[in-house]
Amino acid sequence: MATDLIQFALYGAVLVALAMPLGAYMARVFAGEAGFLRFIERPIFALAGIKPEQGQHWSAYALALVAFNAAGFVLLFLILKFQDLLPGNPLGLPGLSGQLAFNTAISFVTNTNWQSYGGETTMSYLSQMAGLTTQNFVSASTGMAVAAAVARGLASRQLKTIGNFWADMVRATLYVLIPLSVVLALLLVWQGLPQTLDTSLAATTLEGGQQTIAIGPVASQLAIKQLGTNGGGFFNVNSAHPFENPTAIANFLEMLAILVIPVAFCFTFGRMVGDKKQGRALFAAMGIMFVIGLGAIYASELQSNPLYPANVVSTGNMEGKEIRFGVANSALWAEVTTAASNGSVNSMHDSFSPLGGMVAMLNMQLGEVVFGGAGVGLTGMLLLVIVTVFLAGLMVGRTPEYLGKKIEAREVKLAALTLLVMPIGVLAFAALSIVAGTGQSAVLNQGPHGLTELLYAYSSATGNNGSAFAGLTVNVDWHNTFLGLAMLVGRFGYIIPILAIAGSLAQKKTAPASSGTFPTHGPVFVTLLCATIIIVGALTFLPVLALGPIAEQVSIAAGQSF
């Protein structure tokens, strides 16, 4: 256990050490001050007709974002649907069905990377590289652009613009995602990940049998899937596959890559709004929630299954976990991937203890605000900051303020509107699946675990996470359709309101702090913010969690199985 705690501490220390300078660098990127790739940036702007200095009203910014993502969806859908007619398909794989192509295109455009298929047996190399990997870059840069726009809105004084979406997206891709992906891909190739256009390897097993092992351009896709908090695996079992995660060093690097940009955005935000304390406060709130979640999963997975005989010596719940990673690294990855909107896995969450799986699911149900996705995790947290300062204002009898901007009815209503996103995507769509019967028939397990499988799927889709309880058969028309709709609700149900709030705040004056101003960077505010996150999540999802993982844990403790 002491070794496990040292690993956790090492991970946290290295993560923060990387994120702080990266956060400062990204602030310069979004301010247009990082110019070492200007010779590439300028031709892109010229060819695309982009004028980076020309700011956009929030509505124009949102329209550009939606239009770009809609075009990306159509292009990716066509690539997947007709991949059998396109080059780059050495295995001769057929085109995807309409529903599966619809689900997959939405999944990658919304940065969810939910996969209702096995990658190595479904996707051509062209689909993987030109389709999915491209969306891994631009969906991540879209979220990063939104975070930059929101930070500008909070920092601006009486302006009607919040930046230029096209410039923000290009700079996020060119200056941040591509360089980091190249470095990480080279490190992963060093650790043994394949990067080739060959289709397979022939291997002889210990028993003398012959085995064909799929390979391909794995390292390049894996690098951006982690850095962009995408999560979609080249192989069906994702980062539990030895060609996606071959060594302990690769495992550590990939976990760092998942959170480095989301954590860095806390420090980027502090610099962009001109108050580093605000960024550190957000980091503290996210960090506290992260540590609580990790502790809960780790403690739960250390316990053996009560249904096993008492005389069996156990090192914890090892079902669904690899011996080389064990409980500690499996629990850490589960917390990292569900706290971020990543979704990659190095162990099977369906085999976690009921409470361990519940914590991973709850991370997503909270709106992926514990660091969350690249950029969008920060903006999701800022929505809860607005709710928190509104509650604080009610308690002290003053108009709520944040960064000197008065939070009024328009901002509070928009923030409150986003609180409906997760209940609609999770509770409403899951309930509809149960009532319709078609979706319920895809559930493998009986009893509360079957309910948890369904809840996890819709929590993952609406939270734009992408991880899954594998017991649910999702490649059916019902789930391909409704999970796709849940991804859209979860993505744009947060992005558009926060852009509207940023546009509203950008036009307001900044009032100087007074003795009556509630500080938003101290321990009291951080505690209140954490409490708001927990209360909102508990009030929304506790009843259904009681019917699912909590009921299953109680049943196991009583010696009952389903």
Foldseek 3Di string as FASTA:
>chain_A
DVVLVVVVVVLVVVLVVLLAVVLVVVLCLLVVNDCPVVVVVVVVCVVVVHDQVDFDFLVVLVVVLVVVLVVLLVVLLVCQQCVLVDPQAVVSAHHDDNLQSNLQSLLLSLLQQAHLDWQLRRDGQCSLVVRRLVSLLQNLLQLQLLLQLLLQLQQFEQDRGSGHSVSSSVSCRPVPQVVQLVVQLVVLVVVPADADSDFWDWDADPVRDIDTGGHYRQSSSLSSLQQQLRAHHNGRQFCLDCNNPVAPVSLSSSLSSNQSQLLSNLQNSCVSNVHSLLSVLLLVLLVVLLVVLLVQLLVQQCDDQLLDDPPDDDRGQCVQADPNCPSSSQSSSLSSLLLELRAGHSGALLSGALRNSVSSLLSLLLLSLSSYGRNNNVLLLVLLLLVLQPVVCVVLVHQGDDSQFGNDDLSVVLSVQLLVLSCCQQVVLLVVLVVVVPQLVQQQDDFQSSSVQSNSLSSSLLSSRNHGNVRGNQPDSSNSVSSSVSNVSSRVSRSSSSSVVSSVSNSHHGHDDDPPHDDCRDPVNSVSSSVSSVVSSCVRCVVSSCRHSVVVNVCSVVNHDD
